[in-house]
Amino acid sequence: MWKCQVCNFIIEAEEAPEKCPKCGAPKEKFSELTGEAKELVTKSRETNSLLMELADLMEEIEHISQEGIDINLDPGCLSLFEKAKEQSTLIKQSAKAEIETHIEKGKWG
C-alpha cells in the first residue's frame, strides 16, 4: 500500500506507481504504508463505508418523515415524524462529521 505525499492518494500495489494517478506527482513522492498505518487504513475502509451507508439511510428517513409531516394526519403522527426527522438529521450529520475526522487522522483509504 502506497500513499502519495502530495495529494494523499492511496494505492494498493507491489510498488509505487511511476506517477500519481490523481495529481501526477512522481514515484519519489510516494511512501509505503506498513504495519499500523496500513492496518488503520484497511480497518477504516469498512467503518467509513458503514458510516456513509448510515448517512444515506438517515437521508431516506428524513424524506419519509417530511412526507408524514406534510400529510399532518393528527398530532401524534406529526409529533413522531418531527422527532424522526430531527433525530435522523442529527445522526446523518454526526456520521459525516466522523468521516471527516477519519480523513483528518489519515483513516481513509
C-alpha atoms as a PDB file:
ATOM      1  CA  MET A   1       0.000   0.000   0.000  1.00  0.00           C
ATOM      2  CA  TRP A   2       1.437   3.346  -1.098  1.00  0.00           C
ATOM      3  CA  LYS A   3       0.411   6.908  -0.239  1.00  0.00           C
ATOM      4  CA  CYS A   4       1.126   9.999  -2.299  1.00  0.00           C
ATOM      5  CA  GLN A   5       2.594  12.641  -0.006  1.00  0.00           C
ATOM      6  CA  VAL A   6       1.308  15.417  -2.292  1.00  0.00           C
ATOM      7  CA  CYS A   7      -2.419  14.587  -2.505  1.00  0.00           C
ATOM      8  CA  ASN A   8      -2.830  11.630  -0.072  1.00  0.00           C
ATOM      9  CA  PHE A   9      -3.998   9.245  -2.808  1.00  0.00           C
ATOM     10  CA  ILE A  10      -3.612   5.625  -1.611  1.00  0.00           C
ATOM     11  CA  ILE A  11      -2.960   2.753  -3.982  1.00  0.00           C
ATOM     12  CA  GLU A  12      -2.561  -0.956  -3.319  1.00  0.00           C
ATOM     13  CA  ALA A  13       0.339  -2.281  -5.371  1.00  0.00           C
ATOM     14  CA  GLU A  14       3.637  -4.119  -5.023  1.00  0.00           C
ATOM     15  CA  GLU A  15       5.486  -0.885  -5.691  1.00  0.00           C
ATOM     16  CA  ALA A  16       4.691   2.794  -6.070  1.00  0.00           C
ATOM     17  CA  PRO A  17       3.409   3.877  -9.490  1.00  0.00           C
ATOM     18  CA  GLU A  18       5.643   5.926 -11.786  1.00  0.00           C
ATOM     19  CA  LYS A  19       3.331   8.867 -11.199  1.00  0.00           C
ATOM     20  CA  CYS A  20       0.288   9.521  -9.035  1.00  0.00           C
ATOM     21  CA  PRO A  21      -2.959   8.726 -10.868  1.00  0.00           C
ATOM     22  CA  LYS A  22      -4.641  11.648  -9.106  1.00  0.00           C
ATOM     23  CA  CYS A  23      -2.143  14.525  -9.101  1.00  0.00           C
ATOM     24  CA  GLY A  24       0.684  13.327 -11.336  1.00  0.00           C
ATOM     25  CA  ALA A  25       3.373  13.509  -8.630  1.00  0.00           C
ATOM     26  CA  PRO A  26       6.455  11.386  -9.398  1.00  0.00           C
ATOM     27  CA  LYS A  27       7.162   7.989  -7.824  1.00  0.00           C
ATOM     28  CA  GLU A  28       9.538   9.573  -5.292  1.00  0.00           C
ATOM     29  CA  LYS A  29       6.588  11.343  -3.651  1.00  0.00           C
ATOM     30  CA  PHE A  30       5.043   8.031  -2.567  1.00  0.00           C
ATOM     31  CA  SER A  31       5.710   6.420   0.792  1.00  0.00           C
ATOM     32  CA  GLU A  32       4.906   2.835   1.628  1.00  0.00           C
ATOM     33  CA  LEU A  33       2.291   2.254   4.285  1.00  0.00           C
ATOM     34  CA  THR A  34       3.212  -0.643   6.518  1.00  0.00           C
ATOM     35  CA  GLY A  35       2.305  -2.022   9.898  1.00  0.00           C
ATOM     36  CA  GLU A  36      -0.059   0.090  11.958  1.00  0.00           C
ATOM     37  CA  ALA A  37      -0.642   2.719   9.256  1.00  0.00           C
ATOM     38  CA  LYS A  38      -1.653   0.076   6.721  1.00  0.00           C
ATOM     39  CA  GLU A  39      -3.884  -1.695   9.251  1.00  0.00           C
ATOM     40  CA  LEU A  40      -5.547   1.606  10.161  1.00  0.00           C
ATOM     41  CA  VAL A  41      -6.402   2.343   6.520  1.00  0.00           C
ATOM     42  CA  THR A  42      -7.679  -1.195   5.985  1.00  0.00           C
ATOM     43  CA  LYS A  43      -9.912  -1.129   9.081  1.00  0.00           C
ATOM     44  CA  SER A  44     -11.190   2.343   8.313  1.00  0.00           C
ATOM     45  CA  ARG A  45     -12.440   1.346   4.875  1.00  0.00           C
ATOM     46  CA  GLU A  46     -15.177  -0.837   6.321  1.00  0.00           C
ATOM     47  CA  THR A  47     -16.124   1.627   9.059  1.00  0.00           C
ATOM     48  CA  ASN A  48     -16.225   4.576   6.655  1.00  0.00           C
ATOM     49  CA  SER A  49     -18.369   2.568   4.259  1.00  0.00           C
ATOM     50  CA  LEU A  50     -20.805   1.800   7.079  1.00  0.00           C
ATOM     51  CA  LEU A  51     -20.879   5.452   8.119  1.00  0.00           C
ATOM     52  CA  MET A  52     -21.699   6.518   4.557  1.00  0.00           C
ATOM     53  CA  GLU A  53     -24.460   3.906   4.370  1.00  0.00           C
ATOM     54  CA  LEU A  54     -25.837   5.128   7.712  1.00  0.00           C
ATOM     55  CA  ALA A  55     -25.854   8.729   6.454  1.00  0.00           C
ATOM     56  CA  ASP A  56     -27.721   7.625   3.307  1.00  0.00           C
ATOM     57  CA  LEU A  57     -30.320   5.751   5.367  1.00  0.00           C
ATOM     58  CA  MET A  58     -30.830   8.764   7.605  1.00  0.00           C
ATOM     59  CA  GLU A  59     -31.404  10.880   4.493  1.00  0.00           C
ATOM     60  CA  GLU A  60     -34.114   8.445   3.461  1.00  0.00           C
ATOM     61  CA  ILE A  61     -35.705   8.658   6.925  1.00  0.00           C
ATOM     62  CA  GLU A  62     -35.661  12.462   6.666  1.00  0.00           C
ATOM     63  CA  HIS A  63     -37.608  12.280   3.388  1.00  0.00           C
ATOM     64  CA  ILE A  64     -40.115   9.759   4.773  1.00  0.00           C
ATOM     65  CA  SER A  65     -40.567  11.899   7.874  1.00  0.00           C
ATOM     66  CA  GLN A  66     -41.155  15.015   5.781  1.00  0.00           C
ATOM     67  CA  GLU A  67     -43.872  13.201   3.842  1.00  0.00           C
ATOM     68  CA  GLY A  68     -45.554  12.338   7.146  1.00  0.00           C
ATOM     69  CA  ILE A  69     -45.204  15.935   8.329  1.00  0.00           C
ATOM     70  CA  ASP A  70     -46.756  17.190   5.091  1.00  0.00           C
ATOM     71  CA  ILE A  71     -49.729  14.807   5.466  1.00  0.00           C
ATOM     72  CA  ASN A  72     -50.239  16.027   9.060  1.00  0.00           C
ATOM     73  CA  LEU A  73     -52.893  13.411   9.864  1.00  0.00           C
ATOM     74  CA  ASP A  74     -53.056  14.045  13.607  1.00  0.00           C
ATOM     75  CA  PRO A  75     -50.898  15.445  16.452  1.00  0.00           C
ATOM     76  CA  GLY A  76     -49.498  12.023  17.424  1.00  0.00           C
ATOM     77  CA  CYS A  77     -48.319  11.203  13.922  1.00  0.00           C
ATOM     78  CA  LEU A  78     -46.999  14.706  13.350  1.00  0.00           C
ATOM     79  CA  SER A  79     -45.001  14.561  16.581  1.00  0.00           C
ATOM     80  CA  LEU A  80     -43.473  11.192  15.703  1.00  0.00           C
ATOM     81  CA  PHE A  81     -42.493  12.297  12.195  1.00  0.00           C
ATOM     82  CA  GLU A  82     -40.969  15.516  13.534  1.00  0.00           C
ATOM     83  CA  LYS A  83     -38.916  13.583  16.105  1.00  0.00           C
ATOM     84  CA  ALA A  84     -37.794  11.086  13.481  1.00  0.00           C
ATOM     85  CA  LYS A  85     -36.707  13.873  11.147  1.00  0.00           C
ATOM     86  CA  GLU A  86     -34.832  15.689  13.908  1.00  0.00           C
ATOM     87  CA  GLN A  87     -33.022  12.561  15.096  1.00  0.00           C
ATOM     88  CA  SER A  88     -32.186  11.314  11.605  1.00  0.00           C
ATOM     89  CA  THR A  89     -30.708  14.714  10.737  1.00  0.00           C
ATOM     90  CA  LEU A  90     -28.574  14.584  13.888  1.00  0.00           C
ATOM     91  CA  ILE A  91     -27.339  11.048  13.167  1.00  0.00           C
ATOM     92  CA  LYS A  92     -26.644  11.859   9.496  1.00  0.00           C
ATOM     93  CA  GLN A  93     -24.581  14.920  10.378  1.00  0.00           C
ATOM     94  CA  SER A  94     -22.755  13.009  13.139  1.00  0.00           C
ATOM     95  CA  ALA A  95     -21.831  10.245  10.677  1.00  0.00           C
ATOM     96  CA  LYS A  96     -20.497  12.814   8.208  1.00  0.00           C
ATOM     97  CA  ALA A  97     -18.507  14.533  10.967  1.00  0.00           C
ATOM     98  CA  GLU A  98     -16.980  11.193  11.969  1.00  0.00           C
ATOM     99  CA  ILE A  99     -15.954  10.523   8.371  1.00  0.00           C
ATOM    100  CA  GLU A 100     -14.321  13.955   8.250  1.00  0.00           C
ATOM    101  CA  THR A 101     -12.454  13.164  11.483  1.00  0.00           C
ATOM    102  CA  HIS A 102     -11.232   9.902   9.957  1.00  0.00           C
ATOM    103  CA  ILE A 103      -9.973  11.742   6.890  1.00  0.00           C
ATOM    104  CA  GLU A 104      -8.108  14.286   9.024  1.00  0.00           C
ATOM    105  CA  LYS A 105      -6.473  11.462  11.015  1.00  0.00           C
ATOM    106  CA  GLY A 106      -5.456   9.553   7.884  1.00  0.00           C
ATOM    107  CA  LYS A 107      -8.001   6.802   8.496  1.00  0.00           C
ATOM    108  CA  TRP A 108      -9.190   6.750   4.922  1.00  0.00           C
ATOM    109  CA  GLY A 109      -8.171   4.636   2.025  1.00  0.00           C
END
